[in-house]
């Protein structure tokens, strides 16, 4: 995704590891491209961290919405139970004054009331069950409220994490754009286009869902890379593979690291169309194997979804979904 052709990468590596000279290695096209590659790689790591934090924030939002519904239902249940007990208390008061048993049932602090009263001896079995249900419902409601409060705090922390990673990505990409703009138009075009051709593909997918994902990802070729995007109009690397398998009815995790563990590991010699290929030791980039030694992937900002050789960078794993 983030590397240029092999010759360029070799030249860039030499420029980066050579002894310090008076000339800035970035002054050459190869040196500039190497710096851009590094920045894009760092930005992609931050993008995957952003995707992970954003996914967690979305999950917390859903859980909070569900928890709030549960709290509302619990409060409604308690109100209903209190209303029934209140009606009974009113009837008893009108006939003979408020029975201590009902005073106990309607107390805001039943445990404290019981500690100071002998009314427990006057509770019949039915009344005791009703009181126990009310107290249980009150405890459950308090627990649900505490859990919702904790999740709201977690959500706020997750939002801050998302914002931090976003700032990091934007800074890396701004520097990469600045360096790319220092290249000649011809060098910029060569960097962004890749091979520019659709290769001859061979092999069959390992399953029907893999075949459907392959068909989907072919349709995405040419659409732009946008960090944090997962289709259908634009993608980052893991957003592309998640979207493609989503078209096949398969729910993949959001990040490339999680997608690496979403199936069975196979070797490169065993790879078939639809397999996911993760790159670098930290699995910070991912593409889909298409057969014929080719992958489709979303490379980096400024480039479109495209075909590239499967060995374009060090492979960390191949996953069959």
C-alpha atoms as a PDB file:
ATOM      1  CA  UNK A   1       0.000   0.000   0.000  1.00  0.00           C
ATOM      2  CA  UNK A   2       2.527   2.552   1.118  1.00  0.00           C
ATOM      3  CA  UNK A   3       5.611   1.399  -0.823  1.00  0.00           C
ATOM      4  CA  UNK A   4       6.598   2.317  -4.341  1.00  0.00           C
ATOM      5  CA  UNK A   5       8.132  -0.136  -6.791  1.00  0.00           C
ATOM      6  CA  UNK A   6      10.803  -2.489  -5.478  1.00  0.00           C
ATOM      7  CA  UNK A   7      13.633  -0.556  -7.082  1.00  0.00           C
ATOM      8  CA  UNK A   8      12.415   2.676  -5.549  1.00  0.00           C
ATOM      9  CA  UNK A   9      12.056   1.030  -2.138  1.00  0.00           C
ATOM     10  CA  UNK A  10      15.622  -0.323  -2.329  1.00  0.00           C
ATOM     11  CA  UNK A  11      16.976   3.076  -3.294  1.00  0.00           C
ATOM     12  CA  UNK A  12      14.955   4.699  -0.523  1.00  0.00           C
ATOM     13  CA  UNK A  13      16.207   2.212   2.063  1.00  0.00           C
ATOM     14  CA  UNK A  14      19.783   2.919   1.038  1.00  0.00           C
ATOM     15  CA  UNK A  15      19.131   6.630   1.347  1.00  0.00           C
ATOM     16  CA  UNK A  16      17.740   6.217   4.842  1.00  0.00           C
ATOM     17  CA  UNK A  17      20.545   3.992   6.131  1.00  0.00           C
ATOM     18  CA  UNK A  18      23.505   5.701   4.453  1.00  0.00           C
ATOM     19  CA  UNK A  19      25.938   7.760   6.551  1.00  0.00           C
ATOM     20  CA  UNK A  20      24.956  11.377   7.100  1.00  0.00           C
ATOM     21  CA  UNK A  21      25.944  13.601   4.201  1.00  0.00           C
ATOM     22  CA  UNK A  22      25.634  17.287   3.555  1.00  0.00           C
ATOM     23  CA  UNK A  23      22.670  16.748   1.205  1.00  0.00           C
ATOM     24  CA  UNK A  24      19.253  15.987   2.598  1.00  0.00           C
ATOM     25  CA  UNK A  25      18.238  12.501   1.301  1.00  0.00           C
ATOM     26  CA  UNK A  26      14.702  13.794   0.882  1.00  0.00           C
ATOM     27  CA  UNK A  27      15.989  16.194  -1.773  1.00  0.00           C
ATOM     28  CA  UNK A  28      16.011  13.283  -4.242  1.00  0.00           C
ATOM     29  CA  UNK A  29      12.756  11.799  -5.553  1.00  0.00           C
ATOM     30  CA  UNK A  30      13.649   8.409  -4.072  1.00  0.00           C
ATOM     31  CA  UNK A  31      14.395   9.936  -0.671  1.00  0.00           C
ATOM     32  CA  UNK A  32      11.175  11.939  -0.715  1.00  0.00           C
ATOM     33  CA  UNK A  33       9.164   8.865  -1.646  1.00  0.00           C
ATOM     34  CA  UNK A  34      10.780   6.942   1.213  1.00  0.00           C
ATOM     35  CA  UNK A  35       9.767   9.664   3.651  1.00  0.00           C
ATOM     36  CA  UNK A  36       6.225   9.638   2.251  1.00  0.00           C
ATOM     37  CA  UNK A  37       6.109   5.844   2.607  1.00  0.00           C
ATOM     38  CA  UNK A  38       7.145   6.131   6.251  1.00  0.00           C
ATOM     39  CA  UNK A  39       4.574   8.820   6.979  1.00  0.00           C
ATOM     40  CA  UNK A  40       1.805   6.851   5.296  1.00  0.00           C
ATOM     41  CA  UNK A  41       2.805   3.762   7.282  1.00  0.00           C
ATOM     42  CA  UNK A  42       2.701   5.714  10.553  1.00  0.00           C
ATOM     43  CA  UNK A  43      -0.602   7.286   9.553  1.00  0.00           C
ATOM     44  CA  UNK A  44      -2.076   3.874   8.805  1.00  0.00           C
ATOM     45  CA  UNK A  45      -1.096   2.567  12.232  1.00  0.00           C
ATOM     46  CA  UNK A  46      -2.824   5.581  13.746  1.00  0.00           C
ATOM     47  CA  UNK A  47      -5.810   5.009  11.446  1.00  0.00           C
ATOM     48  CA  UNK A  48      -6.237   1.448  12.703  1.00  0.00           C
ATOM     49  CA  UNK A  49      -6.079   2.757  16.272  1.00  0.00           C
ATOM     50  CA  UNK A  50      -8.678   5.368  15.306  1.00  0.00           C
ATOM     51  CA  UNK A  51     -10.915   2.699  13.760  1.00  0.00           C
ATOM     52  CA  UNK A  52     -10.650   0.558  16.893  1.00  0.00           C
ATOM     53  CA  UNK A  53     -11.504   3.451  19.201  1.00  0.00           C
ATOM     54  CA  UNK A  54     -14.353   4.572  16.954  1.00  0.00           C
ATOM     55  CA  UNK A  55     -15.756   1.026  16.851  1.00  0.00           C
ATOM     56  CA  UNK A  56     -15.654   0.905  20.663  1.00  0.00           C
ATOM     57  CA  UNK A  57     -17.425   4.261  20.891  1.00  0.00           C
ATOM     58  CA  UNK A  58     -20.177   3.021  18.575  1.00  0.00           C
ATOM     59  CA  UNK A  59     -20.594  -0.127  20.670  1.00  0.00           C
ATOM     60  CA  UNK A  60     -20.805   1.931  23.868  1.00  0.00           C
ATOM     61  CA  UNK A  61     -23.440   4.192  22.320  1.00  0.00           C
ATOM     62  CA  UNK A  62     -25.591   1.167  21.500  1.00  0.00           C
ATOM     63  CA  UNK A  63     -25.095  -0.301  24.972  1.00  0.00           C
ATOM     64  CA  UNK A  64     -25.969   3.004  26.626  1.00  0.00           C
ATOM     65  CA  UNK A  65     -29.140   3.333  24.576  1.00  0.00           C
ATOM     66  CA  UNK A  66     -30.118  -0.212  25.586  1.00  0.00           C
ATOM     67  CA  UNK A  67     -29.258   0.480  29.232  1.00  0.00           C
ATOM     68  CA  UNK A  68     -31.334   3.663  29.277  1.00  0.00           C
ATOM     69  CA  UNK A  69     -34.285   1.715  27.918  1.00  0.00           C
ATOM     70  CA  UNK A  70     -33.776  -0.837  30.693  1.00  0.00           C
ATOM     71  CA  UNK A  71     -33.641   1.879  33.350  1.00  0.00           C
ATOM     72  CA  UNK A  72     -36.845   3.426  32.037  1.00  0.00           C
ATOM     73  CA  UNK A  73     -38.604   0.046  32.047  1.00  0.00           C
ATOM     74  CA  UNK A  74     -37.335  -0.668  35.553  1.00  0.00           C
ATOM     75  CA  UNK A  75     -38.570   2.657  36.848  1.00  0.00           C
ATOM     76  CA  UNK A  76     -41.950   2.061  35.246  1.00  0.00           C
ATOM     77  CA  UNK A  77     -42.146  -1.343  36.930  1.00  0.00           C
ATOM     78  CA  UNK A  78     -41.309   0.153  40.319  1.00  0.00           C
ATOM     79  CA  UNK A  79     -43.874   2.911  39.828  1.00  0.00           C
ATOM     80  CA  UNK A  80     -46.506   0.284  39.032  1.00  0.00           C
ATOM     81  CA  UNK A  81     -45.605  -1.754  42.112  1.00  0.00           C
ATOM     82  CA  UNK A  82     -45.633   1.338  44.328  1.00  0.00           C
ATOM     83  CA  UNK A  83     -48.955   2.378  42.842  1.00  0.00           C
ATOM     84  CA  UNK A  84     -50.497  -0.980  43.721  1.00  0.00           C
ATOM     85  CA  UNK A  85     -49.158  -0.806  47.254  1.00  0.00           C
ATOM     86  CA  UNK A  86     -50.344   2.799  47.573  1.00  0.00           C
ATOM     87  CA  UNK A  87     -53.856   1.831  46.562  1.00  0.00           C
ATOM     88  CA  UNK A  88     -53.854  -0.877  49.201  1.00  0.00           C
ATOM     89  CA  UNK A  89     -52.536   1.572  51.787  1.00  0.00           C
ATOM     90  CA  UNK A  90     -55.228   4.100  50.956  1.00  0.00           C
ATOM     91  CA  UNK A  91     -57.981   1.536  51.295  1.00  0.00           C
ATOM     92  CA  UNK A  92     -56.614   0.339  54.609  1.00  0.00           C
ATOM     93  CA  UNK A  93     -56.217   3.845  55.956  1.00  0.00           C
ATOM     94  CA  UNK A  94     -59.788   4.725  55.090  1.00  0.00           C
ATOM     95  CA  UNK A  95     -61.045   1.641  56.904  1.00  0.00           C
ATOM     96  CA  UNK A  96     -58.851   1.446  59.976  1.00  0.00           C
ATOM     97  CA  UNK A  97     -55.744   3.589  59.648  1.00  0.00           C
ATOM     98  CA  UNK A  98     -52.431   2.738  57.963  1.00  0.00           C
ATOM     99  CA  UNK A  99     -51.192  -0.666  58.907  1.00  0.00           C
ATOM    100  CA  UNK A 100     -47.500  -0.724  59.932  1.00  0.00           C
ATOM    101  CA  UNK A 101     -46.973  -3.456  57.376  1.00  0.00           C
ATOM    102  CA  UNK A 102     -47.923  -1.110  54.556  1.00  0.00           C
ATOM    103  CA  UNK A 103     -45.852   1.662  56.045  1.00  0.00           C
ATOM    104  CA  UNK A 104     -42.946  -0.725  55.781  1.00  0.00           C
ATOM    105  CA  UNK A 105     -43.753  -1.564  52.161  1.00  0.00           C
ATOM    106  CA  UNK A 106     -43.945   2.098  51.153  1.00  0.00           C
ATOM    107  CA  UNK A 107     -40.846   3.181  53.020  1.00  0.00           C
ATOM    108  CA  UNK A 108     -37.971   4.610  50.966  1.00  0.00           C
ATOM    109  CA  UNK A 109     -35.620   2.628  53.238  1.00  0.00           C
ATOM    110  CA  UNK A 110     -37.276  -0.743  53.993  1.00  0.00           C
ATOM    111  CA  UNK A 111     -34.128  -2.157  55.577  1.00  0.00           C
ATOM    112  CA  UNK A 112     -33.854   0.745  57.979  1.00  0.00           C
ATOM    113  CA  UNK A 113     -37.508   0.523  58.763  1.00  0.00           C
ATOM    114  CA  UNK A 114     -37.263  -3.178  59.563  1.00  0.00           C
ATOM    115  CA  UNK A 115     -34.334  -2.546  61.874  1.00  0.00           C
ATOM    116  CA  UNK A 116     -36.468  -0.231  63.977  1.00  0.00           C
ATOM    117  CA  UNK A 117     -39.805  -1.979  63.798  1.00  0.00           C
ATOM    118  CA  UNK A 118     -41.473  -5.166  64.858  1.00  0.00           C
ATOM    119  CA  UNK A 119     -43.705  -5.065  61.782  1.00  0.00           C
ATOM    120  CA  UNK A 120     -41.889  -8.029  60.259  1.00  0.00           C
ATOM    121  CA  UNK A 121     -43.820 -10.283  62.581  1.00  0.00           C
ATOM    122  CA  UNK A 122     -47.077  -9.040  61.078  1.00  0.00           C
ATOM    123  CA  UNK A 123     -46.178  -9.673  57.429  1.00  0.00           C
ATOM    124  CA  UNK A 124     -48.074 -12.495  55.884  1.00  0.00           C
ATOM    125  CA  UNK A 125     -46.511 -14.556  53.107  1.00  0.00           C
ATOM    126  CA  UNK A 126     -48.195 -12.664  50.295  1.00  0.00           C
ATOM    127  CA  UNK A 127     -47.201  -9.265  51.616  1.00  0.00           C
ATOM    128  CA  UNK A 128     -43.624 -10.422  52.166  1.00  0.00           C
ATOM    129  CA  UNK A 129     -43.324 -11.546  48.551  1.00  0.00           C
ATOM    130  CA  UNK A 130     -44.611  -8.222  47.280  1.00  0.00           C
ATOM    131  CA  UNK A 131     -42.167  -6.317  49.432  1.00  0.00           C
ATOM    132  CA  UNK A 132     -39.287  -8.559  48.347  1.00  0.00           C
ATOM    133  CA  UNK A 133     -40.101  -7.989  44.679  1.00  0.00           C
ATOM    134  CA  UNK A 134     -40.153  -4.239  45.201  1.00  0.00           C
ATOM    135  CA  UNK A 135     -36.821  -4.239  47.015  1.00  0.00           C
ATOM    136  CA  UNK A 136     -35.250  -6.469  44.342  1.00  0.00           C
ATOM    137  CA  UNK A 137     -36.513  -4.179  41.586  1.00  0.00           C
ATOM    138  CA  UNK A 138     -35.072  -1.164  43.411  1.00  0.00           C
ATOM    139  CA  UNK A 139     -31.661  -2.801  43.745  1.00  0.00           C
ATOM    140  CA  UNK A 140     -31.617  -3.834  40.076  1.00  0.00           C
ATOM    141  CA  UNK A 141     -32.577  -0.327  38.993  1.00  0.00           C
ATOM    142  CA  UNK A 142     -29.775   1.178  41.080  1.00  0.00           C
ATOM    143  CA  UNK A 143     -27.281  -1.251  39.516  1.00  0.00           C
ATOM    144  CA  UNK A 144     -28.476  -0.434  36.004  1.00  0.00           C
ATOM    145  CA  UNK A 145     -28.129   3.286  36.699  1.00  0.00           C
ATOM    146  CA  UNK A 146     -24.605   2.793  38.036  1.00  0.00           C
ATOM    147  CA  UNK A 147     -23.662   0.736  34.959  1.00  0.00           C
ATOM    148  CA  UNK A 148     -25.070   3.384  32.630  1.00  0.00           C
ATOM    149  CA  UNK A 149     -23.091   6.081  34.426  1.00  0.00           C
ATOM    150  CA  UNK A 150     -19.900   4.017  34.063  1.00  0.00           C
ATOM    151  CA  UNK A 151     -20.512   3.453  30.352  1.00  0.00           C
ATOM    152  CA  UNK A 152     -21.123   7.160  29.806  1.00  0.00           C
ATOM    153  CA  UNK A 153     -17.726   7.869  31.372  1.00  0.00           C
ATOM    154  CA  UNK A 154     -16.153   5.189  29.167  1.00  0.00           C
ATOM    155  CA  UNK A 155     -17.778   6.735  26.109  1.00  0.00           C
ATOM    156  CA  UNK A 156     -16.369  10.146  26.917  1.00  0.00           C
ATOM    157  CA  UNK A 157     -12.882   8.645  27.339  1.00  0.00           C
ATOM    158  CA  UNK A 158     -13.289   6.788  24.038  1.00  0.00           C
ATOM    159  CA  UNK A 159     -14.319   9.989  22.271  1.00  0.00           C
ATOM    160  CA  UNK A 160     -11.132  11.646  23.487  1.00  0.00           C
ATOM    161  CA  UNK A 161      -9.096   8.679  22.233  1.00  0.00           C
ATOM    162  CA  UNK A 162     -10.761   8.920  18.814  1.00  0.00           C
ATOM    163  CA  UNK A 163      -9.981  12.633  18.643  1.00  0.00           C
ATOM    164  CA  UNK A 164      -6.348  12.061  19.641  1.00  0.00           C
ATOM    165  CA  UNK A 165      -5.795   9.445  16.943  1.00  0.00           C
ATOM    166  CA  UNK A 166      -7.562  11.633  14.418  1.00  0.00           C
ATOM    167  CA  UNK A 167      -5.181  14.505  15.116  1.00  0.00           C
ATOM    168  CA  UNK A 168      -2.209  12.165  14.776  1.00  0.00           C
ATOM    169  CA  UNK A 169      -3.433  10.826  11.419  1.00  0.00           C
ATOM    170  CA  UNK A 170      -4.139  14.299  10.074  1.00  0.00           C
ATOM    171  CA  UNK A 171      -0.665  15.531  11.037  1.00  0.00           C
ATOM    172  CA  UNK A 172       1.053  12.580   9.326  1.00  0.00           C
ATOM    173  CA  UNK A 173      -1.047  12.958   6.181  1.00  0.00           C
ATOM    174  CA  UNK A 174      -0.466  16.707   5.994  1.00  0.00           C
ATOM    175  CA  UNK A 175       3.292  16.176   6.079  1.00  0.00           C
ATOM    176  CA  UNK A 176       3.027  13.405   3.465  1.00  0.00           C
ATOM    177  CA  UNK A 177       1.025  15.682   1.162  1.00  0.00           C
ATOM    178  CA  UNK A 178       3.606  18.427   1.585  1.00  0.00           C
ATOM    179  CA  UNK A 179       6.400  16.060   0.570  1.00  0.00           C
ATOM    180  CA  UNK A 180       4.434  14.650  -2.363  1.00  0.00           C
ATOM    181  CA  UNK A 181       3.777  18.156  -3.614  1.00  0.00           C
ATOM    182  CA  UNK A 182       7.537  18.727  -3.707  1.00  0.00           C
ATOM    183  CA  UNK A 183       7.871  15.980  -6.356  1.00  0.00           C
ATOM    184  CA  UNK A 184       7.576  16.621 -10.052  1.00  0.00           C
ATOM    185  CA  UNK A 185       4.145  15.929 -11.588  1.00  0.00           C
ATOM    186  CA  UNK A 186       5.546  12.840 -13.292  1.00  0.00           C
ATOM    187  CA  UNK A 187       6.954  11.414 -10.046  1.00  0.00           C
ATOM    188  CA  UNK A 188       3.720  12.136  -8.180  1.00  0.00           C
ATOM    189  CA  UNK A 189       1.714  10.345 -10.861  1.00  0.00           C
ATOM    190  CA  UNK A 190       4.044   7.332 -10.856  1.00  0.00           C
ATOM    191  CA  UNK A 191       3.794   7.096  -7.079  1.00  0.00           C
ATOM    192  CA  UNK A 192       0.009   7.226  -7.001  1.00  0.00           C
ATOM    193  CA  UNK A 193      -0.894   5.046  -9.978  1.00  0.00           C
ATOM    194  CA  UNK A 194       0.777   1.747  -9.123  1.00  0.00           C
ATOM    195  CA  UNK A 195       0.786  -0.685 -12.036  1.00  0.00           C
ATOM    196  CA  UNK A 196      -2.282   0.943 -13.567  1.00  0.00           C
ATOM    197  CA  UNK A 197      -3.383  -2.332 -15.167  1.00  0.00           C
ATOM    198  CA  UNK A 198      -5.759  -5.134 -14.216  1.00  0.00           C
ATOM    199  CA  UNK A 199      -3.671  -8.315 -13.950  1.00  0.00           C
ATOM    200  CA  UNK A 200      -4.640 -11.765 -15.150  1.00  0.00           C
ATOM    201  CA  UNK A 201      -6.205 -13.576 -12.212  1.00  0.00           C
ATOM    202  CA  UNK A 202      -6.244 -17.307 -11.555  1.00  0.00           C
ATOM    203  CA  UNK A 203      -7.712 -19.613  -8.952  1.00  0.00           C
ATOM    204  CA  UNK A 204     -11.147 -20.099  -7.403  1.00  0.00           C
ATOM    205  CA  UNK A 205     -12.449 -18.876  -4.101  1.00  0.00           C
ATOM    206  CA  UNK A 206     -12.536 -21.272  -1.162  1.00  0.00           C
ATOM    207  CA  UNK A 207     -16.256 -20.678  -0.499  1.00  0.00           C
ATOM    208  CA  UNK A 208     -19.341 -18.985  -1.838  1.00  0.00           C
ATOM    209  CA  UNK A 209     -19.013 -16.113   0.633  1.00  0.00           C
ATOM    210  CA  UNK A 210     -15.383 -15.585  -0.401  1.00  0.00           C
ATOM    211  CA  UNK A 211     -16.457 -15.511  -4.061  1.00  0.00           C
ATOM    212  CA  UNK A 212     -19.105 -12.906  -3.246  1.00  0.00           C
ATOM    213  CA  UNK A 213     -16.538 -10.806  -1.391  1.00  0.00           C
ATOM    214  CA  UNK A 214     -14.171 -11.010  -4.359  1.00  0.00           C
ATOM    215  CA  UNK A 215     -16.928  -9.850  -6.693  1.00  0.00           C
ATOM    216  CA  UNK A 216     -17.688  -6.920  -4.372  1.00  0.00           C
ATOM    217  CA  UNK A 217     -14.079  -5.816  -4.018  1.00  0.00           C
ATOM    218  CA  UNK A 218     -13.630  -5.843  -7.798  1.00  0.00           C
ATOM    219  CA  UNK A 219     -16.445  -3.316  -8.005  1.00  0.00           C
ATOM    220  CA  UNK A 220     -14.608  -1.098  -5.512  1.00  0.00           C
ATOM    221  CA  UNK A 221     -11.443  -0.828  -7.638  1.00  0.00           C
ATOM    222  CA  UNK A 222     -10.923   2.818  -8.542  1.00  0.00           C
ATOM    223  CA  UNK A 223     -12.758   4.248  -5.547  1.00  0.00           C
ATOM    224  CA  UNK A 224     -10.724   6.606  -3.360  1.00  0.00           C
ATOM    225  CA  UNK A 225      -8.906   5.865  -0.131  1.00  0.00           C
ATOM    226  CA  UNK A 226     -10.278   7.925   2.750  1.00  0.00           C
ATOM    227  CA  UNK A 227      -8.972   7.130   6.194  1.00  0.00           C
ATOM    228  CA  UNK A 228     -11.655   5.937   8.596  1.00  0.00           C
ATOM    229  CA  UNK A 229     -14.046   5.114   5.722  1.00  0.00           C
ATOM    230  CA  UNK A 230     -15.701   1.731   5.176  1.00  0.00           C
ATOM    231  CA  UNK A 231     -17.679   2.270   2.008  1.00  0.00           C
ATOM    232  CA  UNK A 232     -19.394   2.228  -0.246  1.00  0.00           C
ATOM    233  CA  UNK A 233     -17.950   5.345  -1.863  1.00  0.00           C
ATOM    234  CA  UNK A 234     -14.521   5.351  -0.208  1.00  0.00           C
ATOM    235  CA  UNK A 235     -12.427   3.123   2.028  1.00  0.00           C
ATOM    236  CA  UNK A 236      -9.427   2.703   4.225  1.00  0.00           C
ATOM    237  CA  UNK A 237      -7.704  -0.671   4.018  1.00  0.00           C
ATOM    238  CA  UNK A 238      -9.698  -2.571   6.640  1.00  0.00           C
ATOM    239  CA  UNK A 239     -12.853  -0.690   5.719  1.00  0.00           C
ATOM    240  CA  UNK A 240     -12.587  -2.143   2.206  1.00  0.00           C
ATOM    241  CA  UNK A 241     -12.303  -5.760   3.334  1.00  0.00           C
ATOM    242  CA  UNK A 242     -15.005  -5.309   5.972  1.00  0.00           C
ATOM    243  CA  UNK A 243     -17.364  -3.811   3.380  1.00  0.00           C
ATOM    244  CA  UNK A 244     -16.613  -6.484   0.768  1.00  0.00           C
ATOM    245  CA  UNK A 245     -17.357  -9.333   3.148  1.00  0.00           C
ATOM    246  CA  UNK A 246     -20.395  -7.431   4.383  1.00  0.00           C
ATOM    247  CA  UNK A 247     -21.770  -7.652   0.832  1.00  0.00           C
ATOM    248  CA  UNK A 248     -21.380 -11.421   1.217  1.00  0.00           C
ATOM    249  CA  UNK A 249     -23.335 -11.414   4.479  1.00  0.00           C
ATOM    250  CA  UNK A 250     -20.260 -11.859   6.683  1.00  0.00           C
ATOM    251  CA  UNK A 251     -19.577  -9.456   9.536  1.00  0.00           C
ATOM    252  CA  UNK A 252     -15.850  -8.786   9.911  1.00  0.00           C
ATOM    253  CA  UNK A 253     -14.293  -6.739  12.725  1.00  0.00           C
ATOM    254  CA  UNK A 254     -13.322  -3.175  11.879  1.00  0.00           C
ATOM    255  CA  UNK A 255      -9.540  -3.236  12.234  1.00  0.00           C
ATOM    256  CA  UNK A 256      -6.930  -5.112  10.217  1.00  0.00           C
ATOM    257  CA  UNK A 257      -5.495  -6.638  13.398  1.00  0.00           C
ATOM    258  CA  UNK A 258      -8.870  -8.081  14.385  1.00  0.00           C
ATOM    259  CA  UNK A 259      -9.567  -9.245  10.832  1.00  0.00           C
ATOM    260  CA  UNK A 260      -6.337 -11.252  10.841  1.00  0.00           C
ATOM    261  CA  UNK A 261      -7.872 -13.398  13.599  1.00  0.00           C
ATOM    262  CA  UNK A 262     -11.308 -13.700  11.952  1.00  0.00           C
ATOM    263  CA  UNK A 263     -10.679 -17.073  10.316  1.00  0.00           C
ATOM    264  CA  UNK A 264      -8.214 -19.876   9.666  1.00  0.00           C
ATOM    265  CA  UNK A 265      -4.586 -19.099   8.894  1.00  0.00           C
ATOM    266  CA  UNK A 266      -3.178 -20.462   5.618  1.00  0.00           C
ATOM    267  CA  UNK A 267       0.171 -20.162   3.881  1.00  0.00           C
ATOM    268  CA  UNK A 268       0.873 -18.015   0.850  1.00  0.00           C
ATOM    269  CA  UNK A 269       1.161 -21.190  -1.248  1.00  0.00           C
ATOM    270  CA  UNK A 270      -2.377 -22.115  -0.144  1.00  0.00           C
ATOM    271  CA  UNK A 271      -3.871 -18.671  -0.710  1.00  0.00           C
ATOM    272  CA  UNK A 272      -7.077 -18.503  -2.740  1.00  0.00           C
ATOM    273  CA  UNK A 273      -9.211 -15.582  -3.930  1.00  0.00           C
ATOM    274  CA  UNK A 274     -11.054 -13.983  -1.032  1.00  0.00           C
ATOM    275  CA  UNK A 275      -8.362 -14.721   1.561  1.00  0.00           C
ATOM    276  CA  UNK A 276      -7.283 -11.713   3.610  1.00  0.00           C
ATOM    277  CA  UNK A 277      -3.614 -10.758   3.515  1.00  0.00           C
ATOM    278  CA  UNK A 278      -2.273  -8.718   6.427  1.00  0.00           C
ATOM    279  CA  UNK A 279       1.018  -6.858   6.276  1.00  0.00           C
ATOM    280  CA  UNK A 280       3.770  -5.775   8.668  1.00  0.00           C
ATOM    281  CA  UNK A 281       4.444  -7.280  12.072  1.00  0.00           C
ATOM    282  CA  UNK A 282       1.611  -5.289  13.620  1.00  0.00           C
ATOM    283  CA  UNK A 283      -0.896  -6.218  10.854  1.00  0.00           C
ATOM    284  CA  UNK A 284      -1.545  -2.519  10.268  1.00  0.00           C
ATOM    285  CA  UNK A 285      -2.434  -3.024   6.589  1.00  0.00           C
ATOM    286  CA  UNK A 286      -4.712  -5.526   4.878  1.00  0.00           C
ATOM    287  CA  UNK A 287      -5.842  -6.465   1.374  1.00  0.00           C
ATOM    288  CA  UNK A 288      -7.784  -9.237  -0.334  1.00  0.00           C
ATOM    289  CA  UNK A 289      -6.018 -11.924  -2.333  1.00  0.00           C
ATOM    290  CA  UNK A 290      -7.413 -12.146  -5.857  1.00  0.00           C
ATOM    291  CA  UNK A 291      -5.352 -14.990  -7.344  1.00  0.00           C
ATOM    292  CA  UNK A 292      -2.422 -14.818  -9.731  1.00  0.00           C
ATOM    293  CA  UNK A 293      -0.168 -13.330  -7.056  1.00  0.00           C
ATOM    294  CA  UNK A 294      -2.302 -10.175  -6.776  1.00  0.00           C
ATOM    295  CA  UNK A 295      -4.231  -8.385  -4.039  1.00  0.00           C
ATOM    296  CA  UNK A 296      -6.768  -5.597  -4.148  1.00  0.00           C
ATOM    297  CA  UNK A 297      -6.334  -3.046  -1.383  1.00  0.00           C
ATOM    298  CA  UNK A 298      -6.955   0.575  -0.449  1.00  0.00           C
ATOM    299  CA  UNK A 299      -3.380   1.939  -0.458  1.00  0.00           C
ATOM    300  CA  UNK A 300      -3.232   5.447   1.067  1.00  0.00           C
ATOM    301  CA  UNK A 301      -4.795   8.921   0.695  1.00  0.00           C
ATOM    302  CA  UNK A 302      -4.475  10.262  -2.814  1.00  0.00           C
ATOM    303  CA  UNK A 303      -4.578   6.782  -4.370  1.00  0.00           C
ATOM    304  CA  UNK A 304      -7.554   4.660  -5.319  1.00  0.00           C
ATOM    305  CA  UNK A 305      -8.409   1.059  -4.518  1.00  0.00           C
ATOM    306  CA  UNK A 306      -6.192  -0.973  -6.837  1.00  0.00           C
ATOM    307  CA  UNK A 307      -4.371  -4.201  -7.669  1.00  0.00           C
ATOM    308  CA  UNK A 308      -0.812  -4.729  -6.453  1.00  0.00           C
ATOM    309  CA  UNK A 309       1.497  -7.737  -6.102  1.00  0.00           C
ATOM    310  CA  UNK A 310       0.811  -9.781  -2.964  1.00  0.00           C
ATOM    311  CA  UNK A 311       4.453  -9.367  -1.930  1.00  0.00           C
ATOM    312  CA  UNK A 312       4.360  -5.566  -2.052  1.00  0.00           C
ATOM    313  CA  UNK A 313       5.416  -5.482   1.635  1.00  0.00           C
ATOM    314  CA  UNK A 314       6.182  -8.031   4.376  1.00  0.00           C
ATOM    315  CA  UNK A 315       3.223 -10.378   4.948  1.00  0.00           C
ATOM    316  CA  UNK A 316       2.245 -11.070   8.555  1.00  0.00           C
ATOM    317  CA  UNK A 317      -0.600 -13.499   7.898  1.00  0.00           C
ATOM    318  CA  UNK A 318      -3.149 -14.885   5.434  1.00  0.00           C
ATOM    319  CA  UNK A 319      -6.640 -15.529   6.771  1.00  0.00           C
ATOM    320  CA  UNK A 320      -9.368 -17.636   5.195  1.00  0.00           C
ATOM    321  CA  UNK A 321     -12.721 -16.326   6.405  1.00  0.00           C
END
